[in-house]
Amino acid sequence: MQYLINVIDSRSNSGTAEEAVAIDAFNEKLRAGGHWVFAGGLADPTVSTVIDGRGEEPIFTDGPFVEAKEWAAGLWVIEAPDLDVALKLMAEGSKACNRRLEVRPLLPER
């Protein structure tokens, strides 16, 4: 099963050099264990664009879809046999990136 992990932060580009080293080491552990799917950092939400294509013409709006004190600053997508394994792995990920994480199962393909 795959899981989406949101890295939660209240600041943009806040990672330190030490955190980058720890995250790289953690990512290597995910790769070595066969859990790696994808990971990446996200730009500040103020540079996002919301698209609403439900009408006849799409509407494009600058900025985040919600105002929040915290946001997703990065993400992982991992493969794990079950939620317990995903949570155990990402407890280490939280320590490596020095941030809180949200772990969410991806819905199975239809």
PDB file of N, CA and C in Angstrom:
ATOM      1  N   MET A   1       0.845  -1.170   0.000  1.00  0.00           N
ATOM      2  CA  MET A   1       0.000   0.000   0.000  1.00  0.00           C
ATOM      3  C   MET A   1       0.897   1.241   0.000  1.00  0.00           C
ATOM      4  N   GLN A   2       0.415   2.283  -0.658  1.00  0.00           N
ATOM      5  CA  GLN A   2       1.184   3.520  -0.696  1.00  0.00           C
ATOM      6  C   GLN A   2       0.586   4.547   0.259  1.00  0.00           C
ATOM      7  N   TYR A   3       1.470   5.394   0.788  1.00  0.00           N
ATOM      8  CA  TYR A   3       1.090   6.428   1.748  1.00  0.00           C
ATOM      9  C   TYR A   3       1.676   7.759   1.310  1.00  0.00           C
ATOM     10  N   LEU A   4       0.872   8.817   1.468  1.00  0.00           N
ATOM     11  CA  LEU A   4       1.335  10.182   1.251  1.00  0.00           C
ATOM     12  C   LEU A   4       1.684  10.765   2.609  1.00  0.00           C
ATOM     13  N   ILE A   5       2.851  11.335   2.719  1.00  0.00           N
ATOM     14  CA  ILE A   5       3.279  11.964   3.965  1.00  0.00           C
ATOM     15  C   ILE A   5       3.503  13.438   3.685  1.00  0.00           C
ATOM     16  N   ASN A   6       2.733  14.283   4.347  1.00  0.00           N
ATOM     17  CA  ASN A   6       2.900  15.731   4.248  1.00  0.00           C
ATOM     18  C   ASN A   6       3.827  16.200   5.357  1.00  0.00           C
ATOM     19  N   VAL A   7       4.829  16.970   4.995  1.00  0.00           N
ATOM     20  CA  VAL A   7       5.722  17.591   5.961  1.00  0.00           C
ATOM     21  C   VAL A   7       5.093  18.924   6.345  1.00  0.00           C
ATOM     22  N   ILE A   8       4.815  19.117   7.616  1.00  0.00           N
ATOM     23  CA  ILE A   8       4.079  20.283   8.094  1.00  0.00           C
ATOM     24  C   ILE A   8       5.055  21.332   8.619  1.00  0.00           C
ATOM     25  N   ASP A   9       4.878  22.567   8.143  1.00  0.00           N
ATOM     26  CA  ASP A   9       5.750  23.656   8.581  1.00  0.00           C
ATOM     27  C   ASP A   9       4.952  24.955   8.552  1.00  0.00           C
ATOM     28  N   SER A  10       5.476  25.960   9.206  1.00  0.00           N
ATOM     29  CA  SER A  10       4.846  27.284   9.210  1.00  0.00           C
ATOM     30  C   SER A  10       5.765  28.323   8.575  1.00  0.00           C
ATOM     31  N   ARG A  11       6.904  27.855   8.065  1.00  0.00           N
ATOM     32  CA  ARG A  11       7.885  28.752   7.451  1.00  0.00           C
ATOM     33  C   ARG A  11       8.282  28.184   6.097  1.00  0.00           C
ATOM     34  N   SER A  12       8.698  29.040   5.202  1.00  0.00           N
ATOM     35  CA  SER A  12       9.157  28.594   3.886  1.00  0.00           C
ATOM     36  C   SER A  12      10.670  28.484   3.877  1.00  0.00           C
ATOM     37  N   ASN A  13      11.171  27.508   3.141  1.00  0.00           N
ATOM     38  CA  ASN A  13      12.622  27.316   3.000  1.00  0.00           C
ATOM     39  C   ASN A  13      13.333  27.344   4.345  1.00  0.00           C
ATOM     40  N   SER A  14      12.763  26.630   5.316  1.00  0.00           N
ATOM     41  CA  SER A  14      13.285  26.712   6.676  1.00  0.00           C
ATOM     42  C   SER A  14      14.273  25.605   7.024  1.00  0.00           C
ATOM     43  N   GLY A  15      14.533  24.696   6.106  1.00  0.00           N
ATOM     44  CA  GLY A  15      15.429  23.587   6.410  1.00  0.00           C
ATOM     45  C   GLY A  15      16.863  24.025   6.619  1.00  0.00           C
ATOM     46  N   THR A  16      17.516  23.374   7.557  1.00  0.00           N
ATOM     47  CA  THR A  16      18.923  23.657   7.843  1.00  0.00           C
ATOM     48  C   THR A  16      19.818  22.659   7.106  1.00  0.00           C
ATOM     49  N   ALA A  17      21.087  22.945   7.052  1.00  0.00           N
ATOM     50  CA  ALA A  17      22.049  22.030   6.430  1.00  0.00           C
ATOM     51  C   ALA A  17      22.071  20.694   7.165  1.00  0.00           C
ATOM     52  N   GLU A  18      21.978  20.729   8.485  1.00  0.00           N
ATOM     53  CA  GLU A  18      21.976  19.499   9.282  1.00  0.00           C
ATOM     54  C   GLU A  18      20.731  18.660   8.977  1.00  0.00           C
ATOM     55  N   GLU A  19      19.584  19.324   8.829  1.00  0.00           N
ATOM     56  CA  GLU A  19      18.352  18.601   8.497  1.00  0.00           C
ATOM     57  C   GLU A  19      18.452  17.977   7.104  1.00  0.00           C
ATOM     58  N   ALA A  20      19.059  18.684   6.164  1.00  0.00           N
ATOM     59  CA  ALA A  20      19.223  18.151   4.809  1.00  0.00           C
ATOM     60  C   ALA A  20      20.053  16.875   4.827  1.00  0.00           C
ATOM     61  N   VAL A  21      21.113  16.844   5.613  1.00  0.00           N
ATOM     62  CA  VAL A  21      21.951  15.645   5.730  1.00  0.00           C
ATOM     63  C   VAL A  21      21.130  14.496   6.329  1.00  0.00           C
ATOM     64  N   ALA A  22      20.363  14.780   7.377  1.00  0.00           N
ATOM     65  CA  ALA A  22      19.548  13.747   8.025  1.00  0.00           C
ATOM     66  C   ALA A  22      18.456  13.239   7.079  1.00  0.00           C
ATOM     67  N   ILE A  23      17.851  14.136   6.324  1.00  0.00           N
ATOM     68  CA  ILE A  23      16.808  13.731   5.375  1.00  0.00           C
ATOM     69  C   ILE A  23      17.405  12.862   4.269  1.00  0.00           C
ATOM     70  N   ASP A  24      18.577  13.239   3.750  1.00  0.00           N
ATOM     71  CA  ASP A  24      19.234  12.424   2.725  1.00  0.00           C
ATOM     72  C   ASP A  24      19.513  11.014   3.239  1.00  0.00           C
ATOM     73  N   ALA A  25      19.996  10.909   4.476  1.00  0.00           N
ATOM     74  CA  ALA A  25      20.274   9.594   5.065  1.00  0.00           C
ATOM     75  C   ALA A  25      18.976   8.805   5.235  1.00  0.00           C
ATOM     76  N   PHE A  26      17.916   9.465   5.672  1.00  0.00           N
ATOM     77  CA  PHE A  26      16.631   8.782   5.828  1.00  0.00           C
ATOM     78  C   PHE A  26      16.099   8.320   4.471  1.00  0.00           C
ATOM     79  N   ASN A  27      16.218   9.173   3.448  1.00  0.00           N
ATOM     80  CA  ASN A  27      15.766   8.781   2.110  1.00  0.00           C
ATOM     81  C   ASN A  27      16.528   7.561   1.604  1.00  0.00           C
ATOM     82  N   GLU A  28      17.822   7.489   1.878  1.00  0.00           N
ATOM     83  CA  GLU A  28      18.607   6.318   1.489  1.00  0.00           C
ATOM     84  C   GLU A  28      18.105   5.068   2.204  1.00  0.00           C
ATOM     85  N   LYS A  29      17.709   5.211   3.473  1.00  0.00           N
ATOM     86  CA  LYS A  29      17.147   4.071   4.208  1.00  0.00           C
ATOM     87  C   LYS A  29      15.838   3.618   3.567  1.00  0.00           C
ATOM     88  N   LEU A  30      14.999   4.576   3.154  1.00  0.00           N
ATOM     89  CA  LEU A  30      13.755   4.209   2.472  1.00  0.00           C
ATOM     90  C   LEU A  30      14.056   3.461   1.175  1.00  0.00           C
ATOM     91  N   ARG A  31      15.027   3.949   0.410  1.00  0.00           N
ATOM     92  CA  ARG A  31      15.388   3.287  -0.853  1.00  0.00           C
ATOM     93  C   ARG A  31      15.895   1.869  -0.591  1.00  0.00           C
ATOM     94  N   ALA A  32      16.799   1.744   0.368  1.00  0.00           N
ATOM     95  CA  ALA A  32      17.395   0.440   0.675  1.00  0.00           C
ATOM     96  C   ALA A  32      16.341  -0.560   1.151  1.00  0.00           C
ATOM     97  N   GLY A  33      15.315  -0.073   1.837  1.00  0.00           N
ATOM     98  CA  GLY A  33      14.265  -0.955   2.348  1.00  0.00           C
ATOM     99  C   GLY A  33      13.130  -1.211   1.366  1.00  0.00           C
ATOM    100  N   GLY A  34      13.225  -0.623   0.162  1.00  0.00           N
ATOM    101  CA  GLY A  34      12.190  -0.825  -0.838  1.00  0.00           C
ATOM    102  C   GLY A  34      10.923  -0.027  -0.581  1.00  0.00           C
ATOM    103  N   HIS A  35      11.015   1.018   0.252  1.00  0.00           N
ATOM    104  CA  HIS A  35       9.840   1.831   0.590  1.00  0.00           C
ATOM    105  C   HIS A  35       9.734   3.107  -0.238  1.00  0.00           C
ATOM    106  N   TRP A  36      10.804   3.497  -0.911  1.00  0.00           N
ATOM    107  CA  TRP A  36      10.861   4.761  -1.632  1.00  0.00           C
ATOM    108  C   TRP A  36       9.953   4.736  -2.861  1.00  0.00           C
ATOM    109  N   VAL A  37       9.135   5.765  -3.016  1.00  0.00           N
ATOM    110  CA  VAL A  37       8.396   5.998  -4.251  1.00  0.00           C
ATOM    111  C   VAL A  37       8.771   7.378  -4.792  1.00  0.00           C
ATOM    112  N   PHE A  38       8.627   8.407  -3.945  1.00  0.00           N
ATOM    113  CA  PHE A  38       8.884   9.775  -4.394  1.00  0.00           C
ATOM    114  C   PHE A  38       8.963  10.680  -3.180  1.00  0.00           C
ATOM    115  N   ALA A  39       9.719  11.768  -3.291  1.00  0.00           N
ATOM    116  CA  ALA A  39       9.758  12.798  -2.253  1.00  0.00           C
ATOM    117  C   ALA A  39      10.135  14.121  -2.887  1.00  0.00           C
ATOM    118  N   GLY A  40       9.734  15.215  -2.254  1.00  0.00           N
ATOM    119  CA  GLY A  40      10.105  16.522  -2.754  1.00  0.00           C
ATOM    120  C   GLY A  40       9.665  17.622  -1.820  1.00  0.00           C
ATOM    121  N   GLY A  41      10.337  18.743  -1.917  1.00  0.00           N
ATOM    122  CA  GLY A  41       9.946  19.931  -1.174  1.00  0.00           C
ATOM    123  C   GLY A  41       8.952  20.738  -1.995  1.00  0.00           C
ATOM    124  N   LEU A  42       8.185  21.553  -1.319  1.00  0.00           N
ATOM    125  CA  LEU A  42       7.185  22.385  -1.986  1.00  0.00           C
ATOM    126  C   LEU A  42       7.518  23.858  -1.802  1.00  0.00           C
ATOM    127  N   ALA A  43       7.248  24.645  -2.822  1.00  0.00           N
ATOM    128  CA  ALA A  43       7.424  26.097  -2.743  1.00  0.00           C
ATOM    129  C   ALA A  43       6.395  26.675  -1.779  1.00  0.00           C
ATOM    130  N   ASP A  44       6.606  27.914  -1.388  1.00  0.00           N
ATOM    131  CA  ASP A  44       5.696  28.603  -0.478  1.00  0.00           C
ATOM    132  C   ASP A  44       4.278  28.615  -1.063  1.00  0.00           C
ATOM    133  N   PRO A  45       3.262  28.435  -0.214  1.00  0.00           N
ATOM    134  CA  PRO A  45       1.897  28.406  -0.729  1.00  0.00           C
ATOM    135  C   PRO A  45       1.455  29.700  -1.404  1.00  0.00           C
ATOM    136  N   THR A  46       2.130  30.806  -1.125  1.00  0.00           N
ATOM    137  CA  THR A  46       1.738  32.072  -1.755  1.00  0.00           C
ATOM    138  C   THR A  46       1.996  32.077  -3.262  1.00  0.00           C
ATOM    139  N   VAL A  47       2.821  31.161  -3.756  1.00  0.00           N
ATOM    140  CA  VAL A  47       3.082  31.094  -5.188  1.00  0.00           C
ATOM    141  C   VAL A  47       2.246  30.021  -5.878  1.00  0.00           C
ATOM    142  N   SER A  48       1.279  29.459  -5.158  1.00  0.00           N
ATOM    143  CA  SER A  48       0.415  28.435  -5.751  1.00  0.00           C
ATOM    144  C   SER A  48      -0.700  29.075  -6.567  1.00  0.00           C
ATOM    145  N   THR A  49      -1.317  28.268  -7.403  1.00  0.00           N
ATOM    146  CA  THR A  49      -2.476  28.679  -8.187  1.00  0.00           C
ATOM    147  C   THR A  49      -3.560  27.628  -8.019  1.00  0.00           C
ATOM    148  N   VAL A  50      -4.755  28.077  -7.708  1.00  0.00           N
ATOM    149  CA  VAL A  50      -5.906  27.187  -7.594  1.00  0.00           C
ATOM    150  C   VAL A  50      -6.671  27.258  -8.910  1.00  0.00           C
ATOM    151  N   ILE A  51      -7.019  26.095  -9.449  1.00  0.00           N
ATOM    152  CA  ILE A  51      -7.768  26.015 -10.705  1.00  0.00           C
ATOM    153  C   ILE A  51      -9.115  25.372 -10.422  1.00  0.00           C
ATOM    154  N   ASP A  52     -10.190  26.030 -10.835  1.00  0.00           N
ATOM    155  CA  ASP A  52     -11.538  25.468 -10.737  1.00  0.00           C
ATOM    156  C   ASP A  52     -12.066  25.306 -12.151  1.00  0.00           C
ATOM    157  N   GLY A  53     -12.007  24.095 -12.655  1.00  0.00           N
ATOM    158  CA  GLY A  53     -12.431  23.802 -14.009  1.00  0.00           C
ATOM    159  C   GLY A  53     -13.815  23.190 -14.091  1.00  0.00           C
ATOM    160  N   ARG A  54     -14.616  23.379 -13.054  1.00  0.00           N
ATOM    161  CA  ARG A  54     -15.929  22.742 -13.033  1.00  0.00           C
ATOM    162  C   ARG A  54     -16.956  23.455 -13.903  1.00  0.00           C
ATOM    163  N   GLY A  55     -16.735  24.701 -14.231  1.00  0.00           N
ATOM    164  CA  GLY A  55     -17.685  25.450 -15.052  1.00  0.00           C
ATOM    165  C   GLY A  55     -17.332  25.372 -16.528  1.00  0.00           C
ATOM    166  N   GLU A  56     -17.953  26.226 -17.310  1.00  0.00           N
ATOM    167  CA  GLU A  56     -17.684  26.243 -18.748  1.00  0.00           C
ATOM    168  C   GLU A  56     -16.270  26.706 -19.046  1.00  0.00           C
ATOM    169  N   GLU A  57     -15.778  27.667 -18.258  1.00  0.00           N
ATOM    170  CA  GLU A  57     -14.413  28.160 -18.406  1.00  0.00           C
ATOM    171  C   GLU A  57     -13.678  27.980 -17.076  1.00  0.00           C
ATOM    172  N   PRO A  58     -12.416  27.551 -17.109  1.00  0.00           N
ATOM    173  CA  PRO A  58     -11.688  27.399 -15.846  1.00  0.00           C
ATOM    174  C   PRO A  58     -11.424  28.761 -15.196  1.00  0.00           C
ATOM    175  N   ILE A  59     -11.418  28.761 -13.875  1.00  0.00           N
ATOM    176  CA  ILE A  59     -11.101  29.957 -13.096  1.00  0.00           C
ATOM    177  C   ILE A  59      -9.770  29.714 -12.405  1.00  0.00           C
ATOM    178  N   PHE A  60      -8.835  30.646 -12.582  1.00  0.00           N
ATOM    179  CA  PHE A  60      -7.506  30.548 -11.976  1.00  0.00           C
ATOM    180  C   PHE A  60      -7.404  31.607 -10.885  1.00  0.00           C
ATOM    181  N   THR A  61      -7.014  31.175  -9.677  1.00  0.00           N
ATOM    182  CA  THR A  61      -6.892  32.084  -8.545  1.00  0.00           C
ATOM    183  C   THR A  61      -5.493  31.953  -7.959  1.00  0.00           C
ATOM    184  N   ASP A  62      -4.814  33.086  -7.785  1.00  0.00           N
ATOM    185  CA  ASP A  62      -3.482  33.065  -7.173  1.00  0.00           C
ATOM    186  C   ASP A  62      -3.587  32.774  -5.688  1.00  0.00           C
ATOM    187  N   GLY A  63      -2.582  32.069  -5.165  1.00  0.00           N
ATOM    188  CA  GLY A  63      -2.494  31.838  -3.733  1.00  0.00           C
ATOM    189  C   GLY A  63      -3.105  30.524  -3.295  1.00  0.00           C
ATOM    190  N   PRO A  64      -2.952  30.201  -2.033  1.00  0.00           N
ATOM    191  CA  PRO A  64      -3.422  28.911  -1.520  1.00  0.00           C
ATOM    192  C   PRO A  64      -4.944  28.828  -1.518  1.00  0.00           C
ATOM    193  N   PHE A  65      -5.453  27.596  -1.523  1.00  0.00           N
ATOM    194  CA  PHE A  65      -6.900  27.424  -1.505  1.00  0.00           C
ATOM    195  C   PHE A  65      -7.480  27.676  -0.129  1.00  0.00           C
ATOM    196  N   VAL A  66      -6.654  27.649   0.897  1.00  0.00           N
ATOM    197  CA  VAL A  66      -7.085  28.037   2.251  1.00  0.00           C
ATOM    198  C   VAL A  66      -5.962  28.827   2.898  1.00  0.00           C
ATOM    199  N   GLU A  67      -6.322  29.744   3.746  1.00  0.00           N
ATOM    200  CA  GLU A  67      -5.329  30.448   4.552  1.00  0.00           C
ATOM    201  C   GLU A  67      -5.087  29.603   5.797  1.00  0.00           C
ATOM    202  N   ALA A  68      -3.838  29.372   6.137  1.00  0.00           N
ATOM    203  CA  ALA A  68      -3.522  28.524   7.276  1.00  0.00           C
ATOM    204  C   ALA A  68      -2.227  28.990   7.930  1.00  0.00           C
ATOM    205  N   LYS A  69      -2.085  28.668   9.213  1.00  0.00           N
ATOM    206  CA  LYS A  69      -0.852  28.988   9.930  1.00  0.00           C
ATOM    207  C   LYS A  69       0.255  28.002   9.574  1.00  0.00           C
ATOM    208  N   GLU A  70      -0.143  26.785   9.166  1.00  0.00           N
ATOM    209  CA  GLU A  70       0.810  25.751   8.762  1.00  0.00           C
ATOM    210  C   GLU A  70       0.358  25.197   7.417  1.00  0.00           C
ATOM    211  N   TRP A  71       1.295  24.591   6.702  1.00  0.00           N
ATOM    212  CA  TRP A  71       0.984  24.034   5.397  1.00  0.00           C
ATOM    213  C   TRP A  71       1.934  22.899   5.093  1.00  0.00           C
ATOM    214  N   ALA A  72       1.659  22.201   3.997  1.00  0.00           N
ATOM    215  CA  ALA A  72       2.547  21.150   3.523  1.00  0.00           C
ATOM    216  C   ALA A  72       3.765  21.809   2.885  1.00  0.00           C
ATOM    217  N   ALA A  73       4.930  21.575   3.478  1.00  0.00           N
ATOM    218  CA  ALA A  73       6.175  22.155   2.989  1.00  0.00           C
ATOM    219  C   ALA A  73       6.960  21.161   2.139  1.00  0.00           C
ATOM    220  N   GLY A  74       6.545  19.928   2.155  1.00  0.00           N
ATOM    221  CA  GLY A  74       7.197  18.877   1.391  1.00  0.00           C
ATOM    222  C   GLY A  74       6.377  17.620   1.501  1.00  0.00           C
ATOM    223  N   LEU A  75       6.826  16.578   0.820  1.00  0.00           N
ATOM    224  CA  LEU A  75       6.062  15.330   0.861  1.00  0.00           C
ATOM    225  C   LEU A  75       6.937  14.140   0.554  1.00  0.00           C
ATOM    226  N   TRP A  76       6.486  13.013   1.015  1.00  0.00           N
ATOM    227  CA  TRP A  76       7.006  11.710   0.614  1.00  0.00           C
ATOM    228  C   TRP A  76       5.822  10.904   0.124  1.00  0.00           C
ATOM    229  N   VAL A  77       6.034  10.033  -0.816  1.00  0.00           N
ATOM    230  CA  VAL A  77       5.118   8.941  -1.116  1.00  0.00           C
ATOM    231  C   VAL A  77       5.943   7.686  -0.898  1.00  0.00           C
ATOM    232  N   ILE A  78       5.455   6.828  -0.003  1.00  0.00           N
ATOM    233  CA  ILE A  78       6.202   5.611   0.316  1.00  0.00           C
ATOM    234  C   ILE A  78       5.328   4.391   0.083  1.00  0.00           C
ATOM    235  N   GLU A  79       5.982   3.259   0.008  1.00  0.00           N
ATOM    236  CA  GLU A  79       5.330   1.957  -0.094  1.00  0.00           C
ATOM    237  C   GLU A  79       5.585   1.239   1.225  1.00  0.00           C
ATOM    238  N   ALA A  80       4.523   0.723   1.840  1.00  0.00           N
ATOM    239  CA  ALA A  80       4.663  -0.033   3.084  1.00  0.00           C
ATOM    240  C   ALA A  80       3.567  -1.098   3.118  1.00  0.00           C
ATOM    241  N   PRO A  81       3.845  -2.232   3.743  1.00  0.00           N
ATOM    242  CA  PRO A  81       2.846  -3.300   3.755  1.00  0.00           C
ATOM    243  C   PRO A  81       1.581  -2.955   4.548  1.00  0.00           C
ATOM    244  N   ASP A  82       1.725  -2.052   5.527  1.00  0.00           N
ATOM    245  CA  ASP A  82       0.554  -1.665   6.317  1.00  0.00           C
ATOM    246  C   ASP A  82       0.837  -0.350   7.042  1.00  0.00           C
ATOM    247  N   LEU A  83      -0.198   0.186   7.688  1.00  0.00           N
ATOM    248  CA  LEU A  83      -0.085   1.472   8.364  1.00  0.00           C
ATOM    249  C   LEU A  83       0.937   1.438   9.493  1.00  0.00           C
ATOM    250  N   ASP A  84       1.011   0.342  10.220  1.00  0.00           N
ATOM    251  CA  ASP A  84       1.974   0.266  11.325  1.00  0.00           C
ATOM    252  C   ASP A  84       3.407   0.464  10.839  1.00  0.00           C
ATOM    253  N   VAL A  85       3.751  -0.161   9.722  1.00  0.00           N
ATOM    254  CA  VAL A  85       5.091  -0.011   9.163  1.00  0.00           C
ATOM    255  C   VAL A  85       5.300   1.425   8.689  1.00  0.00           C
ATOM    256  N   ALA A  86       4.293   1.982   8.020  1.00  0.00           N
ATOM    257  CA  ALA A  86       4.400   3.366   7.540  1.00  0.00           C
ATOM    258  C   ALA A  86       4.616   4.332   8.704  1.00  0.00           C
ATOM    259  N   LEU A  87       3.866   4.143   9.785  1.00  0.00           N
ATOM    260  CA  LEU A  87       4.001   5.034  10.943  1.00  0.00           C
ATOM    261  C   LEU A  87       5.371   4.894  11.602  1.00  0.00           C
ATOM    262  N   LYS A  88       5.850   3.674  11.709  1.00  0.00           N
ATOM    263  CA  LYS A  88       7.170   3.457  12.307  1.00  0.00           C
ATOM    264  C   LYS A  88       8.262   4.118  11.464  1.00  0.00           C
ATOM    265  N   LEU A  89       8.182   3.940  10.145  1.00  0.00           N
ATOM    266  CA  LEU A  89       9.163   4.569   9.264  1.00  0.00           C
ATOM    267  C   LEU A  89       9.119   6.088   9.381  1.00  0.00           C
ATOM    268  N   MET A  90       7.920   6.633   9.353  1.00  0.00           N
ATOM    269  CA  MET A  90       7.808   8.079   9.306  1.00  0.00           C
ATOM    270  C   MET A  90       8.028   8.738  10.663  1.00  0.00           C
ATOM    271  N   ALA A  91       8.015   7.980  11.746  1.00  0.00           N
ATOM    272  CA  ALA A  91       8.477   8.522  13.023  1.00  0.00           C
ATOM    273  C   ALA A  91       9.955   8.887  12.893  1.00  0.00           C
ATOM    274  N   GLU A  92      10.701   8.040  12.164  1.00  0.00           N
ATOM    275  CA  GLU A  92      12.107   8.360  11.886  1.00  0.00           C
ATOM    276  C   GLU A  92      12.210   9.547  10.932  1.00  0.00           C
ATOM    277  N   GLY A  93      11.297   9.617   9.960  1.00  0.00           N
ATOM    278  CA  GLY A  93      11.294  10.738   9.022  1.00  0.00           C
ATOM    279  C   GLY A  93      11.034  12.062   9.720  1.00  0.00           C
ATOM    280  N   SER A  94      10.123  12.047  10.692  1.00  0.00           N
ATOM    281  CA  SER A  94       9.822  13.252  11.465  1.00  0.00           C
ATOM    282  C   SER A  94      11.057  13.732  12.216  1.00  0.00           C
ATOM    283  N   LYS A  95      11.770  12.783  12.781  1.00  0.00           N
ATOM    284  CA  LYS A  95      12.996  13.134  13.501  1.00  0.00           C
ATOM    285  C   LYS A  95      14.043  13.682  12.532  1.00  0.00           C
ATOM    286  N   ALA A  96      14.168  13.052  11.353  1.00  0.00           N
ATOM    287  CA  ALA A  96      15.180  13.477  10.374  1.00  0.00           C
ATOM    288  C   ALA A  96      14.922  14.894   9.877  1.00  0.00           C
ATOM    289  N   CYS A  97      13.664  15.214   9.575  1.00  0.00           N
ATOM    290  CA  CYS A  97      13.393  16.547   9.010  1.00  0.00           C
ATOM    291  C   CYS A  97      13.024  17.568  10.083  1.00  0.00           C
ATOM    292  N   ASN A  98      12.886  17.111  11.324  1.00  0.00           N
ATOM    293  CA  ASN A  98      12.601  17.993  12.453  1.00  0.00           C
ATOM    294  C   ASN A  98      11.285  18.745  12.254  1.00  0.00           C
ATOM    295  N   ARG A  99      10.295  18.024  11.738  1.00  0.00           N
ATOM    296  CA  ARG A  99       8.971  18.588  11.485  1.00  0.00           C
ATOM    297  C   ARG A  99       7.905  17.544  11.855  1.00  0.00           C
ATOM    298  N   ARG A 100       6.682  18.035  12.079  1.00  0.00           N
ATOM    299  CA  ARG A 100       5.557  17.115  12.235  1.00  0.00           C
ATOM    300  C   ARG A 100       5.176  16.604  10.850  1.00  0.00           C
ATOM    301  N   LEU A 101       4.643  15.384  10.814  1.00  0.00           N
ATOM    302  CA  LEU A 101       4.244  14.767   9.560  1.00  0.00           C
ATOM    303  C   LEU A 101       2.797  14.290   9.637  1.00  0.00           C
ATOM    304  N   GLU A 102       2.121  14.318   8.510  1.00  0.00           N
ATOM    305  CA  GLU A 102       0.786  13.735   8.376  1.00  0.00           C
ATOM    306  C   GLU A 102       0.913  12.544   7.432  1.00  0.00           C
ATOM    307  N   VAL A 103       0.512  11.358   7.891  1.00  0.00           N
ATOM    308  CA  VAL A 103       0.575  10.144   7.087  1.00  0.00           C
ATOM    309  C   VAL A 103      -0.847   9.787   6.641  1.00  0.00           C
ATOM    310  N   ARG A 104      -1.042   9.663   5.324  1.00  0.00           N
ATOM    311  CA  ARG A 104      -2.370   9.336   4.789  1.00  0.00           C
ATOM    312  C   ARG A 104      -2.248   8.246   3.755  1.00  0.00           C
ATOM    313  N   PRO A 105      -3.049   7.196   3.896  1.00  0.00           N
ATOM    314  CA  PRO A 105      -3.048   6.145   2.857  1.00  0.00           C
ATOM    315  C   PRO A 105      -3.589   6.696   1.541  1.00  0.00           C
ATOM    316  N   LEU A 106      -2.979   6.283   0.454  1.00  0.00           N
ATOM    317  CA  LEU A 106      -3.529   6.592  -0.857  1.00  0.00           C
ATOM    318  C   LEU A 106      -4.627   5.566  -1.149  1.00  0.00           C
ATOM    319  N   LEU A 107      -5.685   6.013  -1.774  1.00  0.00           N
ATOM    320  CA  LEU A 107      -6.758   5.095  -2.135  1.00  0.00           C
ATOM    321  C   LEU A 107      -6.266   4.135  -3.201  1.00  0.00           C
ATOM    322  N   PRO A 108      -6.730   2.893  -3.160  1.00  0.00           N
ATOM    323  CA  PRO A 108      -6.286   1.942  -4.183  1.00  0.00           C
ATOM    324  C   PRO A 108      -6.778   2.344  -5.567  1.00  0.00           C
ATOM    325  N   GLU A 109      -6.011   1.948  -6.591  1.00  0.00           N
ATOM    326  CA  GLU A 109      -6.432   2.234  -7.961  1.00  0.00           C
ATOM    327  C   GLU A 109      -7.708   1.477  -8.263  1.00  0.00           C
ATOM    328  N   ARG A 110      -8.524   2.078  -9.085  1.00  0.00           N
ATOM    329  CA  ARG A 110      -9.790   1.420  -9.458  1.00  0.00           C
ATOM    330  C   ARG A 110      -9.637   0.674 -10.744  1.00  0.00           C
TER     331      ARG A 110
END
